[in-house]
Amino acid sequence: MNEKVEIEVFRRRLTIEMEGLNPLEINALAQKVHDRMMEISEQNNKIADSSKLAILAALHFAAELQQARDARSTEQAALERKVEELSLSLRASLSHVPKK
């Protein structure tokens, strides 16, 4: 069962539950969201609406997640190519070994 955790993000208190995360992890994530909202707020003095800031923060996190997924996909494809190259090299080497 998930534990309810009270957090504060951008001067708003919430009590939440998040599956698979402990209270320390939830608080760390809440702090990251708060920090990102503060950063956006400082860069865009015109935005006072916390809902808009929250949406912008969510979009920033979503973009970071997409970039990480894309990078992982690229790395995975490179690893698969390397494994295939090594496999072909090994097969070629083994085909030249005399049979006993």
C-alpha atoms as a PDB file:
ATOM      1  CA  MET A   1       0.000   0.000   0.000  1.00  0.00           C
ATOM      2  CA  ASN A   2       1.276   3.452  -0.889  1.00  0.00           C
ATOM      3  CA  GLU A   3       1.949   5.947   1.832  1.00  0.00           C
ATOM      4  CA  LYS A   4       0.364   9.398   1.682  1.00  0.00           C
ATOM      5  CA  VAL A   5       2.958  12.154   1.628  1.00  0.00           C
ATOM      6  CA  GLU A   6       2.452  15.847   2.164  1.00  0.00           C
ATOM      7  CA  ILE A   7       4.483  17.983  -0.220  1.00  0.00           C
ATOM      8  CA  GLU A   8       4.772  21.648  -1.019  1.00  0.00           C
ATOM      9  CA  VAL A   9       5.419  22.879  -4.528  1.00  0.00           C
ATOM     10  CA  PHE A  10       5.476  26.560  -5.379  1.00  0.00           C
ATOM     11  CA  ARG A  11       3.694  27.539  -2.153  1.00  0.00           C
ATOM     12  CA  ARG A  12       0.964  24.921  -2.674  1.00  0.00           C
ATOM     13  CA  ARG A  13       0.528  22.033  -0.265  1.00  0.00           C
ATOM     14  CA  LEU A  14      -0.678  18.676  -1.526  1.00  0.00           C
ATOM     15  CA  THR A  15      -1.136  15.259  -0.008  1.00  0.00           C
ATOM     16  CA  ILE A  16      -0.329  12.620  -2.579  1.00  0.00           C
ATOM     17  CA  GLU A  17       0.378   8.924  -3.086  1.00  0.00           C
ATOM     18  CA  MET A  18       2.642   7.647  -5.825  1.00  0.00           C
ATOM     19  CA  GLU A  19       2.912   3.984  -6.635  1.00  0.00           C
ATOM     20  CA  GLY A  20       6.396   2.550  -6.428  1.00  0.00           C
ATOM     21  CA  LEU A  21       7.981   5.555  -4.715  1.00  0.00           C
ATOM     22  CA  ASN A  22       8.814   6.050  -1.072  1.00  0.00           C
ATOM     23  CA  PRO A  23       8.244   9.375   0.749  1.00  0.00           C
ATOM     24  CA  LEU A  24      11.862  10.441   0.308  1.00  0.00           C
ATOM     25  CA  GLU A  25      11.698   9.898  -3.455  1.00  0.00           C
ATOM     26  CA  ILE A  26       8.362  11.720  -3.690  1.00  0.00           C
ATOM     27  CA  ASN A  27       9.749  14.685  -1.775  1.00  0.00           C
ATOM     28  CA  ALA A  28      12.840  14.758  -4.010  1.00  0.00           C
ATOM     29  CA  LEU A  29      10.628  14.834  -7.111  1.00  0.00           C
ATOM     30  CA  ALA A  30       8.448  17.552  -5.594  1.00  0.00           C
ATOM     31  CA  GLN A  31      11.588  19.596  -4.948  1.00  0.00           C
ATOM     32  CA  LYS A  32      12.666  19.176  -8.577  1.00  0.00           C
ATOM     33  CA  VAL A  33       9.258  20.370  -9.763  1.00  0.00           C
ATOM     34  CA  HIS A  34       9.396  23.315  -7.365  1.00  0.00           C
ATOM     35  CA  ASP A  35      12.907  24.216  -8.519  1.00  0.00           C
ATOM     36  CA  ARG A  36      11.922  24.027 -12.182  1.00  0.00           C
ATOM     37  CA  MET A  37       8.858  26.203 -11.590  1.00  0.00           C
ATOM     38  CA  MET A  38      11.028  28.744  -9.755  1.00  0.00           C
ATOM     39  CA  GLU A  39      13.545  28.709 -12.603  1.00  0.00           C
ATOM     40  CA  ILE A  40      10.817  29.299 -15.200  1.00  0.00           C
ATOM     41  CA  SER A  41       9.250  31.977 -13.027  1.00  0.00           C
ATOM     42  CA  GLU A  42      12.570  33.808 -12.739  1.00  0.00           C
ATOM     43  CA  GLN A  43      13.151  33.609 -16.496  1.00  0.00           C
ATOM     44  CA  ASN A  44       9.614  34.738 -17.331  1.00  0.00           C
ATOM     45  CA  ASN A  45       8.636  37.435 -14.862  1.00  0.00           C
ATOM     46  CA  LYS A  46       5.385  37.935 -16.769  1.00  0.00           C
ATOM     47  CA  ILE A  47       4.000  34.530 -15.739  1.00  0.00           C
ATOM     48  CA  ALA A  48       2.398  34.737 -12.313  1.00  0.00           C
ATOM     49  CA  ASP A  49      -0.140  31.935 -12.732  1.00  0.00           C
ATOM     50  CA  SER A  50       1.166  28.829 -10.966  1.00  0.00           C
ATOM     51  CA  SER A  51      -0.950  26.582 -13.201  1.00  0.00           C
ATOM     52  CA  LYS A  52       0.820  27.936 -16.293  1.00  0.00           C
ATOM     53  CA  LEU A  53       4.176  27.507 -14.578  1.00  0.00           C
ATOM     54  CA  ALA A  54       3.264  23.928 -13.686  1.00  0.00           C
ATOM     55  CA  ILE A  55       2.341  23.207 -17.303  1.00  0.00           C
ATOM     56  CA  LEU A  56       5.610  24.714 -18.540  1.00  0.00           C
ATOM     57  CA  ALA A  57       7.551  22.685 -15.969  1.00  0.00           C
ATOM     58  CA  ALA A  58       5.715  19.525 -17.060  1.00  0.00           C
ATOM     59  CA  LEU A  59       6.575  20.279 -20.690  1.00  0.00           C
ATOM     60  CA  HIS A  60      10.232  20.776 -19.791  1.00  0.00           C
ATOM     61  CA  PHE A  61      10.296  17.442 -17.941  1.00  0.00           C
ATOM     62  CA  ALA A  62       8.471  15.735 -20.817  1.00  0.00           C
ATOM     63  CA  ALA A  63      11.025  17.114 -23.286  1.00  0.00           C
ATOM     64  CA  GLU A  64      13.896  15.870 -21.103  1.00  0.00           C
ATOM     65  CA  LEU A  65      12.263  12.452 -20.871  1.00  0.00           C
ATOM     66  CA  GLN A  66      11.797  12.291 -24.649  1.00  0.00           C
ATOM     67  CA  GLN A  67      15.417  13.306 -25.222  1.00  0.00           C
ATOM     68  CA  ALA A  68      16.580  10.623 -22.779  1.00  0.00           C
ATOM     69  CA  ARG A  69      14.412   8.006 -24.515  1.00  0.00           C
ATOM     70  CA  ASP A  70      15.741   9.051 -27.916  1.00  0.00           C
ATOM     71  CA  ALA A  71      19.329   8.871 -26.652  1.00  0.00           C
ATOM     72  CA  ARG A  72      18.670   5.446 -25.123  1.00  0.00           C
ATOM     73  CA  SER A  73      17.139   4.233 -28.371  1.00  0.00           C
ATOM     74  CA  THR A  74      20.169   5.476 -30.316  1.00  0.00           C
ATOM     75  CA  GLU A  75      22.547   3.817 -27.844  1.00  0.00           C
ATOM     76  CA  GLN A  76      20.545   0.580 -28.003  1.00  0.00           C
ATOM     77  CA  ALA A  77      20.704   0.554 -31.810  1.00  0.00           C
ATOM     78  CA  ALA A  78      24.472   1.195 -31.705  1.00  0.00           C
ATOM     79  CA  LEU A  79      24.952  -1.657 -29.215  1.00  0.00           C
ATOM     80  CA  GLU A  80      22.880  -4.004 -31.353  1.00  0.00           C
ATOM     81  CA  ARG A  81      24.984  -3.114 -34.424  1.00  0.00           C
ATOM     82  CA  LYS A  82      28.173  -3.702 -32.446  1.00  0.00           C
ATOM     83  CA  VAL A  83      26.934  -7.090 -31.196  1.00  0.00           C
ATOM     84  CA  GLU A  84      26.032  -8.072 -34.764  1.00  0.00           C
ATOM     85  CA  GLU A  85      29.485  -6.991 -35.996  1.00  0.00           C
ATOM     86  CA  LEU A  86      31.183  -8.993 -33.245  1.00  0.00           C
ATOM     87  CA  SER A  87      28.987 -11.986 -33.969  1.00  0.00           C
ATOM     88  CA  LEU A  88      29.856 -11.877 -37.681  1.00  0.00           C
ATOM     89  CA  SER A  89      33.539 -11.483 -36.866  1.00  0.00           C
ATOM     90  CA  LEU A  90      33.426 -14.435 -34.485  1.00  0.00           C
ATOM     91  CA  ARG A  91      31.614 -16.600 -37.041  1.00  0.00           C
ATOM     92  CA  ALA A  92      34.163 -15.686 -39.703  1.00  0.00           C
ATOM     93  CA  SER A  93      37.031 -16.496 -37.353  1.00  0.00           C
ATOM     94  CA  LEU A  94      35.488 -19.812 -36.357  1.00  0.00           C
ATOM     95  CA  SER A  95      34.845 -20.815 -39.959  1.00  0.00           C
ATOM     96  CA  HIS A  96      38.620 -20.732 -40.580  1.00  0.00           C
ATOM     97  CA  VAL A  97      39.463 -22.967 -37.624  1.00  0.00           C
ATOM     98  CA  PRO A  98      40.444 -26.459 -38.856  1.00  0.00           C
ATOM     99  CA  LYS A  99      38.186 -29.256 -37.680  1.00  0.00           C
ATOM    100  CA  LYS A 100      39.762 -32.115 -35.716  1.00  0.00           C
END
